[in-house]
Amino acid sequence: MRIAIVNDKPMAIDLLSNIIGSSPHSVAWIASNGCDAITQCAGDLPDLILMEMVMPGMSGVEVTKSIAAATPCPVLVVTASVTESASMVFDAMGAGALDAVETPIINADGVIQGKEEFFTKLRRIEKLLGLANSATARVADIAMPMVKTNLLAIGSSTGGPNAVAQVVKSLPADFPAAIVVIQHVDEAFAGGFAEWLSTQTALGVKIAKNGDKLKHGTIYVASTNNHLIYDATGRLKYTDQHQEVVYRPSVDVFFNSLDERWKGNMLAVLLTGMGKDGAKGLLRLRKKGVYTIAQNEETCAVYGMPRAAAEIGAAETIQPLENISQVIKQQMKNLK
């Protein structure tokens, strides 16, 4: 890939350039501020942009939004501090950034720390970009039968943090269902995502842990680089199986476990994201009688996962993001 670097820190630029130079990838160009990045992106679109969050002038979030609007290009957030930049990271992911990773550093022994994690992200993004689907989906206009549910399962990827927040922010604190969110996010950022999400909703938010039994009014956020499943004991569990699945945690893996083991009522939602993860699992749930919802093209940061769901008839209804929480509440009215 031809990779652009947007970063105002000379040491970080040098290190990232050297790391990229030691791989099959190449540096397309370097920008030390947001305005320069936008200009260079318009004249020479790279395959991927490495975006720092904290810069003078325009922040990385503002630059990501501007590039997404003018010359869409995949963005990987590369930030020096996960904890200090957590809110900005998820704002950037809501604007379309694919993923995030900490900036590699050189320790006192001269060893580069974080290099392998950085390359893991690049490999994952390469695979992800190869899975993008450009076919056109047909939006179904299907009546919405009332169902009873005690679980709301949500899957999302690129642009997902803001989309998830918009869905859950209008749900009441006594929402009569448990909510499980499978968002494609690195383990290191999952805690920050959960903390940020808790500021956007009246519901309780926690990191999903092995053995968790689902409770109404609580949002459980998948948090590791393994997959989250609903196991035979009726609890959440992380598994290192399904190594072939590029998305971690995988929406399909979680949805499939619900299809196999969930005995109660359920709603399932597939939000914005690149690739196809969640589409087949959503179809399995719909065939089981679960009411399924997909986000429409116009309101998606990246219309990949919902598009794939629409193409195979997995979504019972396709809705703009601003309508999804209302549809969920309509479906919850007859819940015991």
C-alpha atoms as a PDB file:
ATOM      1  CA  MET A   1       0.000   0.000   0.000  1.00  0.00           C
ATOM      2  CA  ARG A   2       0.990   3.631  -0.536  1.00  0.00           C
ATOM      3  CA  ILE A   3       0.663   5.100   2.932  1.00  0.00           C
ATOM      4  CA  ALA A   4       0.463   8.786   3.863  1.00  0.00           C
ATOM      5  CA  ILE A   5       1.555  10.079   7.275  1.00  0.00           C
ATOM      6  CA  VAL A   6      -0.260  12.991   8.936  1.00  0.00           C
ATOM      7  CA  ASN A   7       1.668  13.874  12.087  1.00  0.00           C
ATOM      8  CA  ASP A   8       3.310  16.993  13.521  1.00  0.00           C
ATOM      9  CA  LYS A   9       5.921  15.153  15.600  1.00  0.00           C
ATOM     10  CA  PRO A  10       9.281  14.702  13.787  1.00  0.00           C
ATOM     11  CA  MET A  11      10.317  11.653  15.829  1.00  0.00           C
ATOM     12  CA  ALA A  12       7.029   9.892  15.124  1.00  0.00           C
ATOM     13  CA  ILE A  13       7.282  10.741  11.415  1.00  0.00           C
ATOM     14  CA  ASP A  14      10.824   9.363  11.203  1.00  0.00           C
ATOM     15  CA  LEU A  15       9.928   6.173  13.048  1.00  0.00           C
ATOM     16  CA  LEU A  16       6.761   5.525  11.038  1.00  0.00           C
ATOM     17  CA  SER A  17       8.634   6.218   7.798  1.00  0.00           C
ATOM     18  CA  ASN A  18      11.368   3.749   8.754  1.00  0.00           C
ATOM     19  CA  ILE A  19       8.869   1.082   9.783  1.00  0.00           C
ATOM     20  CA  ILE A  20       6.929   1.462   6.539  1.00  0.00           C
ATOM     21  CA  GLY A  21      10.188   1.477   4.562  1.00  0.00           C
ATOM     22  CA  SER A  22      11.145  -1.880   6.076  1.00  0.00           C
ATOM     23  CA  SER A  23       7.965  -3.450   4.695  1.00  0.00           C
ATOM     24  CA  PRO A  24       6.450  -3.992   1.226  1.00  0.00           C
ATOM     25  CA  HIS A  25       4.559  -0.725   1.743  1.00  0.00           C
ATOM     26  CA  SER A  26       5.799   2.746   0.800  1.00  0.00           C
ATOM     27  CA  VAL A  27       5.340   6.300   2.072  1.00  0.00           C
ATOM     28  CA  ALA A  28       3.171   8.274  -0.361  1.00  0.00           C
ATOM     29  CA  TRP A  29       3.619  11.652   1.310  1.00  0.00           C
ATOM     30  CA  ILE A  30       3.953  13.330   4.711  1.00  0.00           C
ATOM     31  CA  ALA A  31       1.891  16.212   6.108  1.00  0.00           C
ATOM     32  CA  SER A  32       2.642  17.949   9.393  1.00  0.00           C
ATOM     33  CA  ASN A  33      -0.751  19.639   9.715  1.00  0.00           C
ATOM     34  CA  GLY A  34      -4.362  19.171   8.716  1.00  0.00           C
ATOM     35  CA  CYS A  35      -4.547  21.765   5.949  1.00  0.00           C
ATOM     36  CA  ASP A  36      -1.509  20.289   4.217  1.00  0.00           C
ATOM     37  CA  ALA A  37      -2.997  16.799   4.534  1.00  0.00           C
ATOM     38  CA  ILE A  38      -6.263  17.836   2.907  1.00  0.00           C
ATOM     39  CA  THR A  39      -4.404  19.519   0.036  1.00  0.00           C
ATOM     40  CA  GLN A  40      -2.065  16.587  -0.562  1.00  0.00           C
ATOM     41  CA  CYS A  41      -4.897  14.085  -0.350  1.00  0.00           C
ATOM     42  CA  ALA A  42      -6.786  15.957  -3.054  1.00  0.00           C
ATOM     43  CA  GLY A  43      -3.764  15.855  -5.360  1.00  0.00           C
ATOM     44  CA  ASP A  44      -2.406  12.394  -4.579  1.00  0.00           C
ATOM     45  CA  LEU A  45      -4.872   9.975  -2.992  1.00  0.00           C
ATOM     46  CA  PRO A  46      -2.985   7.282  -1.022  1.00  0.00           C
ATOM     47  CA  ASP A  47      -4.216   3.795  -0.167  1.00  0.00           C
ATOM     48  CA  LEU A  48      -4.187   4.580   3.553  1.00  0.00           C
ATOM     49  CA  ILE A  49      -3.610   7.577   5.828  1.00  0.00           C
ATOM     50  CA  LEU A  50      -1.963   7.292   9.261  1.00  0.00           C
ATOM     51  CA  MET A  51      -3.668  10.050  11.254  1.00  0.00           C
ATOM     52  CA  GLU A  52      -2.431  11.562  14.526  1.00  0.00           C
ATOM     53  CA  MET A  53      -5.237  12.981  16.675  1.00  0.00           C
ATOM     54  CA  VAL A  54      -3.497  15.803  18.549  1.00  0.00           C
ATOM     55  CA  MET A  55      -2.011  18.430  16.222  1.00  0.00           C
ATOM     56  CA  PRO A  56      -1.882  22.239  16.171  1.00  0.00           C
ATOM     57  CA  GLY A  57      -4.647  23.869  14.174  1.00  0.00           C
ATOM     58  CA  MET A  58      -7.027  21.219  12.897  1.00  0.00           C
ATOM     59  CA  SER A  59      -7.339  18.118  15.051  1.00  0.00           C
ATOM     60  CA  GLY A  60      -7.106  14.649  13.571  1.00  0.00           C
ATOM     61  CA  VAL A  61     -10.875  14.329  13.933  1.00  0.00           C
ATOM     62  CA  GLU A  62     -11.478  17.480  11.878  1.00  0.00           C
ATOM     63  CA  VAL A  63      -9.010  16.356   9.211  1.00  0.00           C
ATOM     64  CA  THR A  64     -10.620  12.908   9.024  1.00  0.00           C
ATOM     65  CA  LYS A  65     -14.055  14.480   8.567  1.00  0.00           C
ATOM     66  CA  SER A  66     -12.803  16.871   5.874  1.00  0.00           C
ATOM     67  CA  ILE A  67     -11.047  14.138   3.910  1.00  0.00           C
ATOM     68  CA  ALA A  68     -14.062  11.830   4.207  1.00  0.00           C
ATOM     69  CA  ALA A  69     -16.253  14.563   2.728  1.00  0.00           C
ATOM     70  CA  ALA A  70     -13.917  15.742  -0.054  1.00  0.00           C
ATOM     71  CA  THR A  71     -11.678  12.825  -1.075  1.00  0.00           C
ATOM     72  CA  PRO A  72     -12.682   9.675   0.839  1.00  0.00           C
ATOM     73  CA  CYS A  73      -9.656   7.612   1.847  1.00  0.00           C
ATOM     74  CA  PRO A  74      -9.115   4.862   4.450  1.00  0.00           C
ATOM     75  CA  VAL A  75      -7.738   6.253   7.721  1.00  0.00           C
ATOM     76  CA  LEU A  76      -5.889   4.462  10.525  1.00  0.00           C
ATOM     77  CA  VAL A  77      -5.644   6.517  13.699  1.00  0.00           C
ATOM     78  CA  VAL A  78      -2.068   6.401  15.039  1.00  0.00           C
ATOM     79  CA  THR A  79      -1.984   8.224  18.346  1.00  0.00           C
ATOM     80  CA  ALA A  80       0.639   8.611  21.043  1.00  0.00           C
ATOM     81  CA  SER A  81      -1.755   8.208  23.978  1.00  0.00           C
ATOM     82  CA  VAL A  82      -4.816   5.971  23.976  1.00  0.00           C
ATOM     83  CA  THR A  83      -6.180   7.223  27.281  1.00  0.00           C
ATOM     84  CA  GLU A  84      -5.689  10.933  26.638  1.00  0.00           C
ATOM     85  CA  SER A  85      -7.091  10.753  23.110  1.00  0.00           C
ATOM     86  CA  ALA A  86      -9.877   8.189  23.651  1.00  0.00           C
ATOM     87  CA  SER A  87     -12.751  10.578  22.972  1.00  0.00           C
ATOM     88  CA  MET A  88     -11.071  11.933  19.829  1.00  0.00           C
ATOM     89  CA  VAL A  89     -10.276   8.412  18.621  1.00  0.00           C
ATOM     90  CA  PHE A  90     -13.921   7.400  18.722  1.00  0.00           C
ATOM     91  CA  ASP A  91     -15.032  10.662  17.162  1.00  0.00           C
ATOM     92  CA  ALA A  92     -12.599   9.914  14.314  1.00  0.00           C
ATOM     93  CA  MET A  93     -13.910   6.369  13.992  1.00  0.00           C
ATOM     94  CA  GLY A  94     -17.403   7.787  13.905  1.00  0.00           C
ATOM     95  CA  ALA A  95     -16.252  10.016  11.050  1.00  0.00           C
ATOM     96  CA  GLY A  96     -14.970   7.019   9.102  1.00  0.00           C
ATOM     97  CA  ALA A  97     -11.550   6.005  10.463  1.00  0.00           C
ATOM     98  CA  LEU A  98     -11.141   2.244  10.137  1.00  0.00           C
ATOM     99  CA  ASP A  99      -9.221   1.479  13.308  1.00  0.00           C
ATOM    100  CA  ALA A 100      -6.717   2.839  15.793  1.00  0.00           C
ATOM    101  CA  VAL A 101      -3.293   1.877  17.117  1.00  0.00           C
ATOM    102  CA  GLU A 102      -0.747   3.458  19.424  1.00  0.00           C
ATOM    103  CA  THR A 103       2.273   5.087  17.809  1.00  0.00           C
ATOM    104  CA  PRO A 104       5.293   2.757  17.979  1.00  0.00           C
ATOM    105  CA  ILE A 105       8.137   4.009  20.182  1.00  0.00           C
ATOM    106  CA  ILE A 106      11.824   3.205  20.681  1.00  0.00           C
ATOM    107  CA  ASN A 107      12.615   2.046  24.228  1.00  0.00           C
ATOM    108  CA  ALA A 108      15.822   2.623  26.199  1.00  0.00           C
ATOM    109  CA  ASP A 109      17.406  -0.469  24.628  1.00  0.00           C
ATOM    110  CA  GLY A 110      16.782   0.820  21.120  1.00  0.00           C
ATOM    111  CA  VAL A 111      14.015  -1.717  20.469  1.00  0.00           C
ATOM    112  CA  ILE A 112      10.888  -0.563  18.644  1.00  0.00           C
ATOM    113  CA  GLN A 113       7.832  -1.269  20.768  1.00  0.00           C
ATOM    114  CA  GLY A 114       4.458  -1.573  19.048  1.00  0.00           C
ATOM    115  CA  LYS A 115       5.880  -2.450  15.624  1.00  0.00           C
ATOM    116  CA  GLU A 116       4.191  -5.851  15.424  1.00  0.00           C
ATOM    117  CA  GLU A 117       0.843  -4.432  16.552  1.00  0.00           C
ATOM    118  CA  PHE A 118       1.205  -1.754  13.870  1.00  0.00           C
ATOM    119  CA  PHE A 119       1.839  -4.326  11.128  1.00  0.00           C
ATOM    120  CA  THR A 120      -1.050  -6.452  12.412  1.00  0.00           C
ATOM    121  CA  LYS A 121      -3.328  -3.455  11.871  1.00  0.00           C
ATOM    122  CA  LEU A 122      -1.986  -2.919   8.352  1.00  0.00           C
ATOM    123  CA  ARG A 123      -2.549  -6.574   7.429  1.00  0.00           C
ATOM    124  CA  ARG A 124      -6.065  -6.458   8.823  1.00  0.00           C
ATOM    125  CA  ILE A 125      -6.862  -3.278   6.889  1.00  0.00           C
ATOM    126  CA  GLU A 126      -5.493  -4.769   3.657  1.00  0.00           C
ATOM    127  CA  LYS A 127      -7.857  -7.707   4.048  1.00  0.00           C
ATOM    128  CA  LEU A 128     -10.702  -5.418   5.028  1.00  0.00           C
ATOM    129  CA  LEU A 129     -10.271  -3.203   1.974  1.00  0.00           C
ATOM    130  CA  GLY A 130     -10.222  -6.300  -0.212  1.00  0.00           C
ATOM    131  CA  LEU A 131     -13.631  -7.276   1.120  1.00  0.00           C
ATOM    132  CA  ALA A 132     -15.343  -3.996   0.220  1.00  0.00           C
ATOM    133  CA  ASN A 133     -18.411  -4.552  -1.936  1.00  0.00           C
ATOM    134  CA  SER A 134     -19.526  -2.048  -4.570  1.00  0.00           C
ATOM    135  CA  ALA A 135     -22.793  -3.672  -5.668  1.00  0.00           C
ATOM    136  CA  THR A 136     -26.037  -1.802  -5.126  1.00  0.00           C
ATOM    137  CA  ALA A 137     -28.474  -3.034  -2.511  1.00  0.00           C
ATOM    138  CA  ARG A 138     -32.227  -2.815  -2.810  1.00  0.00           C
ATOM    139  CA  VAL A 139     -33.918  -1.281   0.196  1.00  0.00           C
ATOM    140  CA  ALA A 140     -36.898  -3.345   1.257  1.00  0.00           C
ATOM    141  CA  ASP A 141     -40.069  -1.663   2.446  1.00  0.00           C
ATOM    142  CA  ILE A 142     -41.399  -4.298   4.812  1.00  0.00           C
ATOM    143  CA  ALA A 143     -44.076  -3.954   7.466  1.00  0.00           C
ATOM    144  CA  MET A 144     -42.770  -4.132  11.029  1.00  0.00           C
ATOM    145  CA  PRO A 145     -44.561  -6.819  13.069  1.00  0.00           C
ATOM    146  CA  MET A 146     -44.473  -6.353  16.836  1.00  0.00           C
ATOM    147  CA  VAL A 147     -42.252  -8.804  18.671  1.00  0.00           C
ATOM    148  CA  LYS A 148     -41.265  -9.435  22.256  1.00  0.00           C
ATOM    149  CA  THR A 149     -37.588  -9.257  23.075  1.00  0.00           C
ATOM    150  CA  ASN A 150     -35.175  -9.202  25.953  1.00  0.00           C
ATOM    151  CA  LEU A 151     -31.958  -8.797  23.968  1.00  0.00           C
ATOM    152  CA  LEU A 152     -30.783  -6.125  21.553  1.00  0.00           C
ATOM    153  CA  ALA A 153     -27.696  -7.228  19.596  1.00  0.00           C
ATOM    154  CA  ILE A 154     -25.820  -4.510  17.679  1.00  0.00           C
ATOM    155  CA  GLY A 155     -22.957  -4.975  15.225  1.00  0.00           C
ATOM    156  CA  SER A 156     -20.893  -2.134  13.752  1.00  0.00           C
ATOM    157  CA  SER A 157     -17.490  -1.217  12.347  1.00  0.00           C
ATOM    158  CA  THR A 158     -16.253   1.877  10.481  1.00  0.00           C
ATOM    159  CA  GLY A 159     -18.238   4.863  11.744  1.00  0.00           C
ATOM    160  CA  GLY A 160     -19.774   2.640  14.395  1.00  0.00           C
ATOM    161  CA  PRO A 161     -19.010   4.486  17.650  1.00  0.00           C
ATOM    162  CA  ASN A 162     -21.100   7.529  16.759  1.00  0.00           C
ATOM    163  CA  ALA A 163     -23.798   5.362  15.161  1.00  0.00           C
ATOM    164  CA  VAL A 164     -24.074   3.161  18.254  1.00  0.00           C
ATOM    165  CA  ALA A 165     -24.216   6.268  20.448  1.00  0.00           C
ATOM    166  CA  GLN A 166     -27.052   7.734  18.388  1.00  0.00           C
ATOM    167  CA  VAL A 167     -29.027   4.490  18.649  1.00  0.00           C
ATOM    168  CA  VAL A 168     -28.717   4.094  22.419  1.00  0.00           C
ATOM    169  CA  LYS A 169     -28.782   7.723  23.573  1.00  0.00           C
ATOM    170  CA  SER A 170     -32.585   7.972  23.439  1.00  0.00           C
ATOM    171  CA  LEU A 171     -33.235   4.602  25.091  1.00  0.00           C
ATOM    172  CA  PRO A 172     -34.446   4.980  28.705  1.00  0.00           C
ATOM    173  CA  ALA A 173     -32.447   3.870  31.741  1.00  0.00           C
ATOM    174  CA  ASP A 174     -35.069   1.196  32.424  1.00  0.00           C
ATOM    175  CA  PHE A 175     -34.850  -0.180  28.877  1.00  0.00           C
ATOM    176  CA  PRO A 176     -36.393  -3.681  29.147  1.00  0.00           C
ATOM    177  CA  ALA A 177     -33.591  -5.580  27.424  1.00  0.00           C
ATOM    178  CA  ALA A 178     -29.890  -6.240  27.648  1.00  0.00           C
ATOM    179  CA  ILE A 179     -27.783  -4.737  24.855  1.00  0.00           C
ATOM    180  CA  VAL A 180     -24.628  -6.323  23.451  1.00  0.00           C
ATOM    181  CA  VAL A 181     -22.441  -4.216  21.143  1.00  0.00           C
ATOM    182  CA  ILE A 182     -19.910  -5.858  18.825  1.00  0.00           C
ATOM    183  CA  GLN A 183     -17.805  -2.992  17.479  1.00  0.00           C
ATOM    184  CA  HIS A 184     -14.644  -3.648  15.464  1.00  0.00           C
ATOM    185  CA  VAL A 185     -12.155  -1.999  17.813  1.00  0.00           C
ATOM    186  CA  ASP A 186      -8.763  -3.000  19.125  1.00  0.00           C
ATOM    187  CA  GLU A 187      -8.604  -4.397  22.661  1.00  0.00           C
ATOM    188  CA  ALA A 188      -6.517  -1.423  23.791  1.00  0.00           C
ATOM    189  CA  PHE A 189      -9.291   0.997  22.826  1.00  0.00           C
ATOM    190  CA  ALA A 190     -12.318  -0.998  24.005  1.00  0.00           C
ATOM    191  CA  GLY A 191     -12.211   0.408  27.531  1.00  0.00           C
ATOM    192  CA  GLY A 192     -12.066   3.943  26.201  1.00  0.00           C
ATOM    193  CA  PHE A 193     -14.984   3.209  23.883  1.00  0.00           C
ATOM    194  CA  ALA A 194     -17.102   1.878  26.763  1.00  0.00           C
ATOM    195  CA  GLU A 195     -16.219   4.868  28.943  1.00  0.00           C
ATOM    196  CA  TRP A 196     -17.010   7.305  26.131  1.00  0.00           C
ATOM    197  CA  LEU A 197     -20.286   5.509  25.320  1.00  0.00           C
ATOM    198  CA  SER A 198     -21.370   5.792  28.962  1.00  0.00           C
ATOM    199  CA  THR A 199     -21.346   9.585  28.541  1.00  0.00           C
ATOM    200  CA  GLN A 200     -23.758   9.314  25.611  1.00  0.00           C
ATOM    201  CA  THR A 201     -26.567   7.300  27.235  1.00  0.00           C
ATOM    202  CA  ALA A 202     -28.622   6.902  30.415  1.00  0.00           C
ATOM    203  CA  LEU A 203     -28.046   3.144  30.277  1.00  0.00           C
ATOM    204  CA  GLY A 204     -25.310   1.398  32.203  1.00  0.00           C
ATOM    205  CA  VAL A 205     -22.270   0.525  30.074  1.00  0.00           C
ATOM    206  CA  LYS A 206     -19.669  -2.103  30.909  1.00  0.00           C
ATOM    207  CA  ILE A 207     -16.974  -4.154  29.248  1.00  0.00           C
ATOM    208  CA  ALA A 208     -18.287  -7.667  28.564  1.00  0.00           C
ATOM    209  CA  LYS A 209     -16.462 -10.220  30.704  1.00  0.00           C
ATOM    210  CA  ASN A 210     -16.278 -13.997  30.638  1.00  0.00           C
ATOM    211  CA  GLY A 211     -19.236 -15.392  32.548  1.00  0.00           C
ATOM    212  CA  ASP A 212     -21.403 -12.262  32.373  1.00  0.00           C
ATOM    213  CA  LYS A 213     -25.110 -13.002  32.654  1.00  0.00           C
ATOM    214  CA  LEU A 214     -27.090 -10.460  30.678  1.00  0.00           C
ATOM    215  CA  LYS A 215     -29.200  -7.935  32.585  1.00  0.00           C
ATOM    216  CA  HIS A 216     -31.803  -5.518  31.282  1.00  0.00           C
ATOM    217  CA  GLY A 217     -30.799  -1.875  31.030  1.00  0.00           C
ATOM    218  CA  THR A 218     -27.112  -2.645  30.581  1.00  0.00           C
ATOM    219  CA  ILE A 219     -24.907  -2.304  27.498  1.00  0.00           C
ATOM    220  CA  TYR A 220     -22.148  -4.915  27.194  1.00  0.00           C
ATOM    221  CA  VAL A 221     -19.243  -3.920  24.929  1.00  0.00           C
ATOM    222  CA  ALA A 222     -17.040  -6.660  23.448  1.00  0.00           C
ATOM    223  CA  SER A 223     -13.503  -5.864  24.517  1.00  0.00           C
ATOM    224  CA  THR A 224     -10.814  -8.298  23.385  1.00  0.00           C
ATOM    225  CA  ASN A 225      -9.154  -9.349  20.154  1.00  0.00           C
ATOM    226  CA  ASN A 226     -10.911 -12.698  20.568  1.00  0.00           C
ATOM    227  CA  HIS A 227     -14.538 -13.252  19.601  1.00  0.00           C
ATOM    228  CA  LEU A 228     -17.461 -12.820  21.985  1.00  0.00           C
ATOM    229  CA  ILE A 229     -20.136 -15.529  21.993  1.00  0.00           C
ATOM    230  CA  TYR A 230     -23.258 -16.468  23.929  1.00  0.00           C
ATOM    231  CA  ASP A 231     -22.434 -19.899  25.308  1.00  0.00           C
ATOM    232  CA  ALA A 232     -24.445 -22.993  26.235  1.00  0.00           C
ATOM    233  CA  THR A 233     -24.623 -21.926  29.900  1.00  0.00           C
ATOM    234  CA  GLY A 234     -26.454 -18.719  29.017  1.00  0.00           C
ATOM    235  CA  ARG A 235     -23.501 -16.422  29.634  1.00  0.00           C
ATOM    236  CA  LEU A 236     -21.086 -14.342  27.583  1.00  0.00           C
ATOM    237  CA  LYS A 237     -17.752 -15.927  26.755  1.00  0.00           C
ATOM    238  CA  TYR A 238     -14.634 -15.027  24.775  1.00  0.00           C
ATOM    239  CA  THR A 239     -13.215 -17.623  22.396  1.00  0.00           C
ATOM    240  CA  ASP A 240     -10.023 -17.858  20.350  1.00  0.00           C
ATOM    241  CA  GLN A 241     -11.716 -20.130  17.825  1.00  0.00           C
ATOM    242  CA  HIS A 242     -12.521 -18.919  14.295  1.00  0.00           C
ATOM    243  CA  GLN A 243      -8.947 -17.725  13.706  1.00  0.00           C
ATOM    244  CA  GLU A 244      -9.734 -17.427  10.007  1.00  0.00           C
ATOM    245  CA  VAL A 245     -12.132 -14.525  10.626  1.00  0.00           C
ATOM    246  CA  VAL A 246     -10.325 -11.228   9.960  1.00  0.00           C
ATOM    247  CA  TYR A 247     -12.757  -9.100  11.965  1.00  0.00           C
ATOM    248  CA  ARG A 248     -12.145  -9.160  15.727  1.00  0.00           C
ATOM    249  CA  PRO A 249     -14.425  -9.252  17.547  1.00  0.00           C
ATOM    250  CA  SER A 250     -16.680 -10.620  14.795  1.00  0.00           C
ATOM    251  CA  VAL A 251     -20.343  -9.709  14.490  1.00  0.00           C
ATOM    252  CA  ASP A 252     -21.045 -12.907  12.546  1.00  0.00           C
ATOM    253  CA  VAL A 253     -19.474 -15.100  15.229  1.00  0.00           C
ATOM    254  CA  PHE A 254     -21.640 -13.470  17.924  1.00  0.00           C
ATOM    255  CA  PHE A 255     -24.836 -13.511  15.861  1.00  0.00           C
ATOM    256  CA  ASN A 256     -24.264 -17.171  14.970  1.00  0.00           C
ATOM    257  CA  SER A 257     -23.889 -18.077  18.641  1.00  0.00           C
ATOM    258  CA  LEU A 258     -27.217 -16.377  19.344  1.00  0.00           C
ATOM    259  CA  ASP A 259     -28.838 -18.321  16.522  1.00  0.00           C
ATOM    260  CA  GLU A 260     -27.584 -21.557  18.062  1.00  0.00           C
ATOM    261  CA  ARG A 261     -28.305 -20.888  21.744  1.00  0.00           C
ATOM    262  CA  TRP A 262     -30.484 -17.864  22.503  1.00  0.00           C
ATOM    263  CA  LYS A 263     -33.901 -18.976  23.766  1.00  0.00           C
ATOM    264  CA  GLY A 264     -35.537 -15.632  24.465  1.00  0.00           C
ATOM    265  CA  ASN A 265     -36.763 -12.844  22.228  1.00  0.00           C
ATOM    266  CA  MET A 266     -34.368 -10.583  20.424  1.00  0.00           C
ATOM    267  CA  LEU A 267     -33.790  -7.672  18.061  1.00  0.00           C
ATOM    268  CA  ALA A 268     -30.638  -7.496  15.935  1.00  0.00           C
ATOM    269  CA  VAL A 269     -29.176  -4.370  14.321  1.00  0.00           C
ATOM    270  CA  LEU A 270     -26.362  -4.014  11.781  1.00  0.00           C
ATOM    271  CA  LEU A 271     -24.857  -0.540  11.498  1.00  0.00           C
ATOM    272  CA  THR A 272     -22.258   1.186   9.336  1.00  0.00           C
ATOM    273  CA  GLY A 273     -19.041  -0.651   8.490  1.00  0.00           C
ATOM    274  CA  MET A 274     -16.708  -1.787   5.726  1.00  0.00           C
ATOM    275  CA  GLY A 275     -16.805  -5.380   4.504  1.00  0.00           C
ATOM    276  CA  LYS A 276     -19.480  -8.008   5.071  1.00  0.00           C
ATOM    277  CA  ASP A 277     -19.194  -9.012   8.720  1.00  0.00           C
ATOM    278  CA  GLY A 278     -22.583  -9.576  10.333  1.00  0.00           C
ATOM    279  CA  ALA A 279     -24.596 -10.020   7.136  1.00  0.00           C
ATOM    280  CA  LYS A 280     -24.758 -13.829   7.166  1.00  0.00           C
ATOM    281  CA  GLY A 281     -25.298 -13.928  10.910  1.00  0.00           C
ATOM    282  CA  LEU A 282     -28.130 -11.406  10.592  1.00  0.00           C
ATOM    283  CA  LEU A 283     -29.724 -13.606   7.934  1.00  0.00           C
ATOM    284  CA  ARG A 284     -29.560 -16.630  10.244  1.00  0.00           C
ATOM    285  CA  LEU A 285     -31.289 -14.632  12.956  1.00  0.00           C
ATOM    286  CA  ARG A 286     -33.990 -13.399  10.597  1.00  0.00           C
ATOM    287  CA  LYS A 287     -34.682 -16.973   9.488  1.00  0.00           C
ATOM    288  CA  LYS A 288     -35.046 -17.833  13.167  1.00  0.00           C
ATOM    289  CA  GLY A 289     -37.771 -15.212  13.492  1.00  0.00           C
ATOM    290  CA  VAL A 290     -35.694 -12.380  14.946  1.00  0.00           C
ATOM    291  CA  TYR A 291     -36.657  -8.871  13.868  1.00  0.00           C
ATOM    292  CA  THR A 292     -33.601  -7.517  12.026  1.00  0.00           C
ATOM    293  CA  ILE A 293     -32.666  -3.921  11.210  1.00  0.00           C
ATOM    294  CA  ALA A 294     -29.931  -2.529   8.946  1.00  0.00           C
ATOM    295  CA  GLN A 295     -28.790   1.076   8.549  1.00  0.00           C
ATOM    296  CA  ASN A 296     -29.487   2.671   5.185  1.00  0.00           C
ATOM    297  CA  GLU A 297     -26.858   3.822   2.706  1.00  0.00           C
ATOM    298  CA  GLU A 298     -27.440   7.552   3.057  1.00  0.00           C
ATOM    299  CA  THR A 299     -26.610   7.657   6.773  1.00  0.00           C
ATOM    300  CA  CYS A 300     -23.705   5.166   6.804  1.00  0.00           C
ATOM    301  CA  ALA A 301     -20.105   6.351   7.086  1.00  0.00           C
ATOM    302  CA  VAL A 302     -19.292   3.252   5.013  1.00  0.00           C
ATOM    303  CA  TYR A 303     -22.116   1.277   3.417  1.00  0.00           C
ATOM    304  CA  GLY A 304     -20.518  -2.158   3.446  1.00  0.00           C
ATOM    305  CA  MET A 305     -21.894  -4.423   6.167  1.00  0.00           C
ATOM    306  CA  PRO A 306     -25.504  -3.165   5.903  1.00  0.00           C
ATOM    307  CA  ARG A 307     -25.247  -3.356   2.097  1.00  0.00           C
ATOM    308  CA  ALA A 308     -24.173  -6.996   2.309  1.00  0.00           C
ATOM    309  CA  ALA A 309     -27.102  -7.691   4.633  1.00  0.00           C
ATOM    310  CA  ALA A 310     -29.564  -5.989   2.285  1.00  0.00           C
ATOM    311  CA  GLU A 311     -28.273  -7.917  -0.728  1.00  0.00           C
ATOM    312  CA  ILE A 312     -28.994 -11.307   0.844  1.00  0.00           C
ATOM    313  CA  GLY A 313     -32.317 -10.318   2.407  1.00  0.00           C
ATOM    314  CA  ALA A 314     -31.006 -10.393   5.968  1.00  0.00           C
ATOM    315  CA  ALA A 315     -32.616  -7.099   7.007  1.00  0.00           C
ATOM    316  CA  GLU A 316     -36.328  -7.072   7.678  1.00  0.00           C
ATOM    317  CA  THR A 317     -36.243  -3.304   7.564  1.00  0.00           C
ATOM    318  CA  ILE A 318     -33.627  -0.804   6.390  1.00  0.00           C
ATOM    319  CA  GLN A 319     -33.748   2.523   8.176  1.00  0.00           C
ATOM    320  CA  PRO A 320     -31.866   5.829   8.381  1.00  0.00           C
ATOM    321  CA  LEU A 321     -29.776   6.031  11.531  1.00  0.00           C
ATOM    322  CA  GLU A 322     -32.000   8.645  13.146  1.00  0.00           C
ATOM    323  CA  ASN A 323     -35.018   6.283  12.939  1.00  0.00           C
ATOM    324  CA  ILE A 324     -33.447   3.116  14.325  1.00  0.00           C
ATOM    325  CA  SER A 325     -33.901   3.843  18.040  1.00  0.00           C
ATOM    326  CA  GLN A 326     -37.575   4.636  17.435  1.00  0.00           C
ATOM    327  CA  VAL A 327     -38.041   1.371  15.534  1.00  0.00           C
ATOM    328  CA  ILE A 328     -36.390  -0.470  18.427  1.00  0.00           C
ATOM    329  CA  LYS A 329     -38.730   1.164  20.943  1.00  0.00           C
ATOM    330  CA  GLN A 330     -41.733   0.298  18.778  1.00  0.00           C
ATOM    331  CA  GLN A 331     -40.657  -3.328  18.742  1.00  0.00           C
ATOM    332  CA  MET A 332     -40.251  -3.318  22.533  1.00  0.00           C
ATOM    333  CA  LYS A 333     -43.784  -2.208  23.383  1.00  0.00           C
ATOM    334  CA  ASN A 334     -45.215  -5.670  23.893  1.00  0.00           C
ATOM    335  CA  LEU A 335     -42.235  -6.980  25.833  1.00  0.00           C
ATOM    336  CA  LYS A 336     -43.239  -8.691  29.077  1.00  0.00           C
END
